[in-house]
Amino acid sequence: MSSPIAEVCCPRSGKALGFDAETLNRLTKLVGAWEWKGPNDTLDQSFRTAGFDIHHRRVAKYLQICERMQDIPRHLGQHSGGMVNLRRVI
């Protein structure tokens, strides 16, 4: 399943890349619904199945951005717990 940050940032990235509203809506739905099911199930395969040319410059860049965001946690400050010891006050 895509990360919450990907669901927010991918549409913004697509808008910055200049996709029209209809195309951006289709792309965003693919990212928001993508869930790994097996070795041949990739986000680029989902894009191809939906009829997008993943070699098109803007589509390829959008795909690259979204793939990089997939595993980013909602809050970059998240950690597994514990203590942080510093010499100075945060």
PDB file of N, CA and C in Angstrom:
ATOM      1  N   MET A   1       0.848  -1.166   0.000  1.00  0.00           N
ATOM      2  CA  MET A   1       0.000   0.000   0.000  1.00  0.00           C
ATOM      3  C   MET A   1       0.894   1.229   0.000  1.00  0.00           C
ATOM      4  N   SER A   2       0.493   2.258  -0.666  1.00  0.00           N
ATOM      5  CA  SER A   2       1.326   3.438  -0.717  1.00  0.00           C
ATOM      6  C   SER A   2       1.341   4.146   0.631  1.00  0.00           C
ATOM      7  N   SER A   3       2.389   4.900   0.851  1.00  0.00           N
ATOM      8  CA  SER A   3       2.515   5.608   2.112  1.00  0.00           C
ATOM      9  C   SER A   3       1.643   6.854   2.097  1.00  0.00           C
ATOM     10  N   PRO A   4       1.253   7.343   3.285  1.00  0.00           N
ATOM     11  CA  PRO A   4       0.448   8.566   3.336  1.00  0.00           C
ATOM     12  C   PRO A   4       1.145   9.749   2.677  1.00  0.00           C
ATOM     13  N   ILE A   5       2.463   9.832   2.824  1.00  0.00           N
ATOM     14  CA  ILE A   5       3.169  10.953   2.211  1.00  0.00           C
ATOM     15  C   ILE A   5       3.118  10.862   0.690  1.00  0.00           C
ATOM     16  N   ALA A   6       3.173   9.648   0.155  1.00  0.00           N
ATOM     17  CA  ALA A   6       3.083   9.482  -1.298  1.00  0.00           C
ATOM     18  C   ALA A   6       1.710   9.904  -1.801  1.00  0.00           C
ATOM     19  N   GLU A   7       0.677   9.602  -1.040  1.00  0.00           N
ATOM     20  CA  GLU A   7      -0.679   9.958  -1.452  1.00  0.00           C
ATOM     21  C   GLU A   7      -0.883  11.464  -1.487  1.00  0.00           C
ATOM     22  N   VAL A   8      -0.139  12.198  -0.677  1.00  0.00           N
ATOM     23  CA  VAL A   8      -0.241  13.656  -0.658  1.00  0.00           C
ATOM     24  C   VAL A   8       0.723  14.277  -1.666  1.00  0.00           C
ATOM     25  N   CYS A   9       1.952  13.800  -1.686  1.00  0.00           N
ATOM     26  CA  CYS A   9       2.995  14.437  -2.500  1.00  0.00           C
ATOM     27  C   CYS A   9       2.954  14.066  -3.973  1.00  0.00           C
ATOM     28  N   CYS A  10       2.521  12.854  -4.297  1.00  0.00           N
ATOM     29  CA  CYS A  10       2.491  12.471  -5.711  1.00  0.00           C
ATOM     30  C   CYS A  10       1.550  13.354  -6.526  1.00  0.00           C
ATOM     31  N   PRO A  11       0.347  13.660  -6.035  1.00  0.00           N
ATOM     32  CA  PRO A  11      -0.499  14.572  -6.820  1.00  0.00           C
ATOM     33  C   PRO A  11       0.143  15.952  -6.989  1.00  0.00           C
ATOM     34  N   ARG A  12       0.793  16.426  -5.955  1.00  0.00           N
ATOM     35  CA  ARG A  12       1.453  17.735  -6.052  1.00  0.00           C
ATOM     36  C   ARG A  12       2.605  17.681  -7.046  1.00  0.00           C
ATOM     37  N   SER A  13       3.315  16.564  -7.054  1.00  0.00           N
ATOM     38  CA  SER A  13       4.413  16.403  -8.007  1.00  0.00           C
ATOM     39  C   SER A  13       3.888  16.384  -9.435  1.00  0.00           C
ATOM     40  N   GLY A  14       2.782  15.675  -9.646  1.00  0.00           N
ATOM     41  CA  GLY A  14       2.179  15.624 -10.975  1.00  0.00           C
ATOM     42  C   GLY A  14       1.712  16.978 -11.450  1.00  0.00           C
ATOM     43  N   LYS A  15       1.180  17.758 -10.531  1.00  0.00           N
ATOM     44  CA  LYS A  15       0.751  19.109 -10.881  1.00  0.00           C
ATOM     45  C   LYS A  15       1.957  19.953 -11.269  1.00  0.00           C
ATOM     46  N   ALA A  16       3.050  19.816 -10.516  1.00  0.00           N
ATOM     47  CA  ALA A  16       4.273  20.562 -10.832  1.00  0.00           C
ATOM     48  C   ALA A  16       4.862  20.138 -12.181  1.00  0.00           C
ATOM     49  N   LEU A  17       4.638  18.886 -12.562  1.00  0.00           N
ATOM     50  CA  LEU A  17       5.130  18.392 -13.853  1.00  0.00           C
ATOM     51  C   LEU A  17       4.224  18.799 -15.011  1.00  0.00           C
ATOM     52  N   GLY A  18       3.087  19.423 -14.705  1.00  0.00           N
ATOM     53  CA  GLY A  18       2.225  19.966 -15.750  1.00  0.00           C
ATOM     54  C   GLY A  18       1.183  19.032 -16.318  1.00  0.00           C
ATOM     55  N   PHE A  19       0.824  17.960 -15.590  1.00  0.00           N
ATOM     56  CA  PHE A  19      -0.221  17.073 -16.089  1.00  0.00           C
ATOM     57  C   PHE A  19      -1.573  17.765 -16.012  1.00  0.00           C
ATOM     58  N   ASP A  20      -2.420  17.517 -17.003  1.00  0.00           N
ATOM     59  CA  ASP A  20      -3.775  18.060 -16.958  1.00  0.00           C
ATOM     60  C   ASP A  20      -4.555  17.332 -15.860  1.00  0.00           C
ATOM     61  N   ALA A  21      -5.683  17.891 -15.449  1.00  0.00           N
ATOM     62  CA  ALA A  21      -6.449  17.376 -14.305  1.00  0.00           C
ATOM     63  C   ALA A  21      -6.885  15.924 -14.501  1.00  0.00           C
ATOM     64  N   GLU A  22      -7.344  15.574 -15.690  1.00  0.00           N
ATOM     65  CA  GLU A  22      -7.814  14.209 -15.937  1.00  0.00           C
ATOM     66  C   GLU A  22      -6.668  13.191 -15.836  1.00  0.00           C
ATOM     67  N   THR A  23      -5.543  13.507 -16.461  1.00  0.00           N
ATOM     68  CA  THR A  23      -4.386  12.605 -16.410  1.00  0.00           C
ATOM     69  C   THR A  23      -3.866  12.485 -14.988  1.00  0.00           C
ATOM     70  N   LEU A  24      -3.770  13.606 -14.293  1.00  0.00           N
ATOM     71  CA  LEU A  24      -3.285  13.594 -12.916  1.00  0.00           C
ATOM     72  C   LEU A  24      -4.202  12.776 -12.021  1.00  0.00           C
ATOM     73  N   ASN A  25      -5.496  12.865 -12.239  1.00  0.00           N
ATOM     74  CA  ASN A  25      -6.455  12.075 -11.464  1.00  0.00           C
ATOM     75  C   ASN A  25      -6.229  10.574 -11.700  1.00  0.00           C
ATOM     76  N   ARG A  26      -6.026  10.184 -12.954  1.00  0.00           N
ATOM     77  CA  ARG A  26      -5.767   8.768 -13.272  1.00  0.00           C
ATOM     78  C   ARG A  26      -4.463   8.293 -12.641  1.00  0.00           C
ATOM     79  N   LEU A  27      -3.404   9.110 -12.744  1.00  0.00           N
ATOM     80  CA  LEU A  27      -2.113   8.746 -12.163  1.00  0.00           C
ATOM     81  C   LEU A  27      -2.198   8.626 -10.641  1.00  0.00           C
ATOM     82  N   THR A  28      -2.861   9.587 -10.015  1.00  0.00           N
ATOM     83  CA  THR A  28      -2.979   9.604  -8.555  1.00  0.00           C
ATOM     84  C   THR A  28      -3.724   8.374  -8.055  1.00  0.00           C
ATOM     85  N   LYS A  29      -4.763   7.967  -8.760  1.00  0.00           N
ATOM     86  CA  LYS A  29      -5.500   6.764  -8.357  1.00  0.00           C
ATOM     87  C   LYS A  29      -4.616   5.527  -8.426  1.00  0.00           C
ATOM     88  N   LEU A  30      -3.740   5.468  -9.421  1.00  0.00           N
ATOM     89  CA  LEU A  30      -2.829   4.328  -9.528  1.00  0.00           C
ATOM     90  C   LEU A  30      -1.876   4.273  -8.347  1.00  0.00           C
ATOM     91  N   VAL A  31      -1.338   5.414  -7.963  1.00  0.00           N
ATOM     92  CA  VAL A  31      -0.393   5.458  -6.841  1.00  0.00           C
ATOM     93  C   VAL A  31      -1.109   5.137  -5.539  1.00  0.00           C
ATOM     94  N   GLY A  32      -2.281   5.716  -5.328  1.00  0.00           N
ATOM     95  CA  GLY A  32      -3.028   5.501  -4.091  1.00  0.00           C
ATOM     96  C   GLY A  32      -3.532   4.090  -3.919  1.00  0.00           C
ATOM     97  N   ALA A  33      -3.755   3.390  -5.031  1.00  0.00           N
ATOM     98  CA  ALA A  33      -4.312   2.037  -4.959  1.00  0.00           C
ATOM     99  C   ALA A  33      -3.260   0.946  -5.078  1.00  0.00           C
ATOM    100  N   TRP A  34      -2.014   1.335  -5.385  1.00  0.00           N
ATOM    101  CA  TRP A  34      -0.995   0.320  -5.622  1.00  0.00           C
ATOM    102  C   TRP A  34      -0.649  -0.433  -4.349  1.00  0.00           C
ATOM    103  N   GLU A  35      -0.590  -1.735  -4.467  1.00  0.00           N
ATOM    104  CA  GLU A  35      -0.237  -2.611  -3.349  1.00  0.00           C
ATOM    105  C   GLU A  35       0.554  -3.780  -3.922  1.00  0.00           C
ATOM    106  N   TRP A  36       1.740  -4.040  -3.386  1.00  0.00           N
ATOM    107  CA  TRP A  36       2.594  -5.114  -3.896  1.00  0.00           C
ATOM    108  C   TRP A  36       1.937  -6.457  -3.662  1.00  0.00           C
ATOM    109  N   LYS A  37       1.807  -7.253  -4.720  1.00  0.00           N
ATOM    110  CA  LYS A  37       1.176  -8.571  -4.618  1.00  0.00           C
ATOM    111  C   LYS A  37       2.097  -9.682  -5.074  1.00  0.00           C
ATOM    112  N   GLY A  38       3.203  -9.341  -5.719  1.00  0.00           N
ATOM    113  CA  GLY A  38       4.127 -10.351  -6.203  1.00  0.00           C
ATOM    114  C   GLY A  38       5.263  -9.716  -6.972  1.00  0.00           C
ATOM    115  N   PRO A  39       6.256 -10.526  -7.358  1.00  0.00           N
ATOM    116  CA  PRO A  39       7.444  -9.988  -8.012  1.00  0.00           C
ATOM    117  C   PRO A  39       7.179  -9.264  -9.337  1.00  0.00           C
ATOM    118  N   ASN A  40       6.119  -9.606 -10.016  1.00  0.00           N
ATOM    119  CA  ASN A  40       5.801  -8.930 -11.271  1.00  0.00           C
ATOM    120  C   ASN A  40       4.828  -7.772 -11.093  1.00  0.00           C
ATOM    121  N   ASP A  41       4.423  -7.525  -9.868  1.00  0.00           N
ATOM    122  CA  ASP A  41       3.476  -6.452  -9.576  1.00  0.00           C
ATOM    123  C   ASP A  41       4.260  -5.214  -9.147  1.00  0.00           C
ATOM    124  N   THR A  42       4.459  -4.318 -10.086  1.00  0.00           N
ATOM    125  CA  THR A  42       5.205  -3.095  -9.811  1.00  0.00           C
ATOM    126  C   THR A  42       4.360  -1.889 -10.182  1.00  0.00           C
ATOM    127  N   LEU A  43       4.748  -0.752  -9.662  1.00  0.00           N
ATOM    128  CA  LEU A  43       4.021   0.469  -9.977  1.00  0.00           C
ATOM    129  C   LEU A  43       4.138   0.789 -11.465  1.00  0.00           C
ATOM    130  N   ASP A  44       5.310   0.561 -12.050  1.00  0.00           N
ATOM    131  CA  ASP A  44       5.438   0.837 -13.491  1.00  0.00           C
ATOM    132  C   ASP A  44       4.569  -0.105 -14.320  1.00  0.00           C
ATOM    133  N   GLN A  45       4.393  -1.339 -13.864  1.00  0.00           N
ATOM    134  CA  GLN A  45       3.496  -2.272 -14.559  1.00  0.00           C
ATOM    135  C   GLN A  45       2.053  -1.771 -14.477  1.00  0.00           C
ATOM    136  N   SER A  46       1.673  -1.247 -13.321  1.00  0.00           N
ATOM    137  CA  SER A  46       0.329  -0.672 -13.167  1.00  0.00           C
ATOM    138  C   SER A  46       0.127   0.501 -14.116  1.00  0.00           C
ATOM    139  N   PHE A  47       1.160   1.340 -14.257  1.00  0.00           N
ATOM    140  CA  PHE A  47       1.078   2.475 -15.177  1.00  0.00           C
ATOM    141  C   PHE A  47       0.908   1.977 -16.615  1.00  0.00           C
ATOM    142  N   ARG A  48       1.699   0.963 -17.003  1.00  0.00           N
ATOM    143  CA  ARG A  48       1.607   0.420 -18.360  1.00  0.00           C
ATOM    144  C   ARG A  48       0.226  -0.169 -18.615  1.00  0.00           C
ATOM    145  N   THR A  49      -0.280  -0.946 -17.649  1.00  0.00           N
ATOM    146  CA  THR A  49      -1.598  -1.570 -17.788  1.00  0.00           C
ATOM    147  C   THR A  49      -2.695  -0.517 -17.944  1.00  0.00           C
ATOM    148  N   ALA A  50      -2.507   0.632 -17.295  1.00  0.00           N
ATOM    149  CA  ALA A  50      -3.494   1.716 -17.385  1.00  0.00           C
ATOM    150  C   ALA A  50      -3.337   2.533 -18.672  1.00  0.00           C
ATOM    151  N   GLY A  51      -2.342   2.180 -19.491  1.00  0.00           N
ATOM    152  CA  GLY A  51      -2.191   2.841 -20.781  1.00  0.00           C
ATOM    153  C   GLY A  51      -1.199   3.986 -20.824  1.00  0.00           C
ATOM    154  N   PHE A  52      -0.393   4.143 -19.776  1.00  0.00           N
ATOM    155  CA  PHE A  52       0.600   5.213 -19.772  1.00  0.00           C
ATOM    156  C   PHE A  52       1.911   4.728 -20.367  1.00  0.00           C
ATOM    157  N   ASP A  53       2.559   5.591 -21.122  1.00  0.00           N
ATOM    158  CA  ASP A  53       3.872   5.296 -21.686  1.00  0.00           C
ATOM    159  C   ASP A  53       4.913   5.668 -20.633  1.00  0.00           C
ATOM    160  N   ILE A  54       5.489   4.666 -19.979  1.00  0.00           N
ATOM    161  CA  ILE A  54       6.427   4.949 -18.886  1.00  0.00           C
ATOM    162  C   ILE A  54       7.763   5.488 -19.391  1.00  0.00           C
ATOM    163  N   HIS A  55       7.932   5.548 -20.716  1.00  0.00           N
ATOM    164  CA  HIS A  55       9.151   6.127 -21.275  1.00  0.00           C
ATOM    165  C   HIS A  55       8.956   7.596 -21.649  1.00  0.00           C
ATOM    166  N   HIS A  56       7.723   8.072 -21.554  1.00  0.00           N
ATOM    167  CA  HIS A  56       7.465   9.494 -21.777  1.00  0.00           C
ATOM    168  C   HIS A  56       8.160  10.261 -20.653  1.00  0.00           C
ATOM    169  N   ARG A  57       8.816  11.347 -21.001  1.00  0.00           N
ATOM    170  CA  ARG A  57       9.644  12.080 -20.045  1.00  0.00           C
ATOM    171  C   ARG A  57       8.925  12.432 -18.743  1.00  0.00           C
ATOM    172  N   ARG A  58       7.739  13.027 -18.838  1.00  0.00           N
ATOM    173  CA  ARG A  58       7.033  13.441 -17.617  1.00  0.00           C
ATOM    174  C   ARG A  58       6.461  12.257 -16.848  1.00  0.00           C
ATOM    175  N   VAL A  59       5.951  11.259 -17.553  1.00  0.00           N
ATOM    176  CA  VAL A  59       5.421  10.068 -16.882  1.00  0.00           C
ATOM    177  C   VAL A  59       6.549   9.338 -16.162  1.00  0.00           C
ATOM    178  N   ALA A  60       7.693   9.214 -16.815  1.00  0.00           N
ATOM    179  CA  ALA A  60       8.850   8.542 -16.197  1.00  0.00           C
ATOM    180  C   ALA A  60       9.308   9.289 -14.945  1.00  0.00           C
ATOM    181  N   LYS A  61       9.341  10.618 -15.002  1.00  0.00           N
ATOM    182  CA  LYS A  61       9.756  11.415 -13.841  1.00  0.00           C
ATOM    183  C   LYS A  61       8.740  11.279 -12.709  1.00  0.00           C
ATOM    184  N   TYR A  62       7.456  11.312 -13.047  1.00  0.00           N
ATOM    185  CA  TYR A  62       6.404  11.148 -12.039  1.00  0.00           C
ATOM    186  C   TYR A  62       6.516   9.774 -11.373  1.00  0.00           C
ATOM    187  N   LEU A  63       6.716   8.753 -12.171  1.00  0.00           N
ATOM    188  CA  LEU A  63       6.869   7.401 -11.654  1.00  0.00           C
ATOM    189  C   LEU A  63       8.073   7.320 -10.720  1.00  0.00           C
ATOM    190  N   GLN A  64       9.184   7.907 -11.127  1.00  0.00           N
ATOM    191  CA  GLN A  64      10.392   7.908 -10.303  1.00  0.00           C
ATOM    192  C   GLN A  64      10.138   8.607  -8.962  1.00  0.00           C
ATOM    193  N   ILE A  65       9.491   9.758  -8.991  1.00  0.00           N
ATOM    194  CA  ILE A  65       9.201  10.499  -7.763  1.00  0.00           C
ATOM    195  C   ILE A  65       8.314   9.671  -6.846  1.00  0.00           C
ATOM    196  N   CYS A  66       7.259   9.090  -7.383  1.00  0.00           N
ATOM    197  CA  CYS A  66       6.318   8.316  -6.568  1.00  0.00           C
ATOM    198  C   CYS A  66       6.968   7.064  -5.981  1.00  0.00           C
ATOM    199  N   GLU A  67       7.794   6.383  -6.767  1.00  0.00           N
ATOM    200  CA  GLU A  67       8.476   5.194  -6.246  1.00  0.00           C
ATOM    201  C   GLU A  67       9.404   5.559  -5.093  1.00  0.00           C
ATOM    202  N   ARG A  68      10.063   6.698  -5.196  1.00  0.00           N
ATOM    203  CA  ARG A  68      10.979   7.122  -4.132  1.00  0.00           C
ATOM    204  C   ARG A  68      10.223   7.495  -2.864  1.00  0.00           C
ATOM    205  N   MET A  69       8.969   7.904  -3.002  1.00  0.00           N
ATOM    206  CA  MET A  69       8.184   8.308  -1.836  1.00  0.00           C
ATOM    207  C   MET A  69       7.463   7.144  -1.154  1.00  0.00           C
ATOM    208  N   GLN A  70       7.400   5.993  -1.793  1.00  0.00           N
ATOM    209  CA  GLN A  70       6.595   4.883  -1.275  1.00  0.00           C
ATOM    210  C   GLN A  70       6.926   4.491   0.164  1.00  0.00           C
ATOM    211  N   ASP A  71       8.193   4.495   0.537  1.00  0.00           N
ATOM    212  CA  ASP A  71       8.569   4.015   1.864  1.00  0.00           C
ATOM    213  C   ASP A  71       8.893   5.118   2.858  1.00  0.00           C
ATOM    214  N   ILE A  72       8.617   6.360   2.497  1.00  0.00           N
ATOM    215  CA  ILE A  72       8.867   7.458   3.428  1.00  0.00           C
ATOM    216  C   ILE A  72       7.755   7.447   4.474  1.00  0.00           C
ATOM    217  N   PRO A  73       8.106   7.485   5.755  1.00  0.00           N
ATOM    218  CA  PRO A  73       7.062   7.519   6.787  1.00  0.00           C
ATOM    219  C   PRO A  73       6.306   8.846   6.767  1.00  0.00           C
ATOM    220  N   ARG A  74       5.143   8.846   7.368  1.00  0.00           N
ATOM    221  CA  ARG A  74       4.314  10.049   7.419  1.00  0.00           C
ATOM    222  C   ARG A  74       5.070  11.207   8.047  1.00  0.00           C
ATOM    223  N   HIS A  75       5.759  10.940   9.128  1.00  0.00           N
ATOM    224  CA  HIS A  75       6.533  11.961   9.831  1.00  0.00           C
ATOM    225  C   HIS A  75       7.992  11.542   9.780  1.00  0.00           C
ATOM    226  N   LEU A  76       8.815  12.347   9.169  1.00  0.00           N
ATOM    227  CA  LEU A  76      10.216  11.979   9.030  1.00  0.00           C
ATOM    228  C   LEU A  76      10.915  11.882  10.384  1.00  0.00           C
ATOM    229  N   GLY A  77      10.310  12.439  11.428  1.00  0.00           N
ATOM    230  CA  GLY A  77      10.900  12.381  12.753  1.00  0.00           C
ATOM    231  C   GLY A  77      10.534  11.110  13.501  1.00  0.00           C
ATOM    232  N   GLN A  78       9.768  10.221  12.875  1.00  0.00           N
ATOM    233  CA  GLN A  78       9.390   8.987  13.548  1.00  0.00           C
ATOM    234  C   GLN A  78      10.615   8.138  13.831  1.00  0.00           C
ATOM    235  N   HIS A  79      10.601   7.503  14.956  1.00  0.00           N
ATOM    236  CA  HIS A  79      11.645   6.547  15.284  1.00  0.00           C
ATOM    237  C   HIS A  79      11.017   5.441  16.109  1.00  0.00           C
ATOM    238  N   SER A  80      11.765   4.413  16.343  1.00  0.00           N
ATOM    239  CA  SER A  80      11.207   3.240  17.008  1.00  0.00           C
ATOM    240  C   SER A  80      11.066   3.407  18.517  1.00  0.00           C
ATOM    241  N   GLY A  81      11.434   4.526  19.024  1.00  0.00           N
ATOM    242  CA  GLY A  81      11.331   4.754  20.478  1.00  0.00           C
ATOM    243  C   GLY A  81      12.712   4.822  21.086  1.00  0.00           C
ATOM    244  N   GLY A  82      12.749   4.869  22.397  1.00  0.00           N
ATOM    245  CA  GLY A  82      14.043   4.932  23.058  1.00  0.00           C
ATOM    246  C   GLY A  82      14.419   6.351  23.385  1.00  0.00           C
ATOM    247  N   MET A  83      15.686   6.528  23.644  1.00  0.00           N
ATOM    248  CA  MET A  83      16.176   7.840  24.069  1.00  0.00           C
ATOM    249  C   MET A  83      17.244   8.326  23.092  1.00  0.00           C
ATOM    250  N   VAL A  84      17.348   9.638  23.028  1.00  0.00           N
ATOM    251  CA  VAL A  84      18.394  10.264  22.246  1.00  0.00           C
ATOM    252  C   VAL A  84      19.257  11.037  23.236  1.00  0.00           C
ATOM    253  N   ASN A  85      20.528  10.743  23.299  1.00  0.00           N
ATOM    254  CA  ASN A  85      21.451  11.432  24.198  1.00  0.00           C
ATOM    255  C   ASN A  85      22.276  12.425  23.416  1.00  0.00           C
ATOM    256  N   LEU A  86      22.207  13.679  23.821  1.00  0.00           N
ATOM    257  CA  LEU A  86      22.961  14.748  23.169  1.00  0.00           C
ATOM    258  C   LEU A  86      23.720  15.554  24.214  1.00  0.00           C
ATOM    259  N   ARG A  87      24.723  16.241  23.761  1.00  0.00           N
ATOM    260  CA  ARG A  87      25.482  17.119  24.656  1.00  0.00           C
ATOM    261  C   ARG A  87      24.763  18.447  24.847  1.00  0.00           C
ATOM    262  N   ARG A  88      23.872  18.774  23.942  1.00  0.00           N
ATOM    263  CA  ARG A  88      23.161  20.055  24.041  1.00  0.00           C
ATOM    264  C   ARG A  88      21.663  19.801  24.047  1.00  0.00           C
ATOM    265  N   VAL A  89      20.908  20.817  24.417  1.00  0.00           N
ATOM    266  CA  VAL A  89      19.449  20.728  24.449  1.00  0.00           C
ATOM    267  C   VAL A  89      18.917  20.838  23.017  1.00  0.00           C
ATOM    268  N   ILE A  90      17.936  20.047  22.716  1.00  0.00           N
ATOM    269  CA  ILE A  90      17.333  20.091  21.381  1.00  0.00           C
ATOM    270  C   ILE A  90      16.373  21.263  21.324  1.00  0.00           C
TER     271      ILE A  90
END
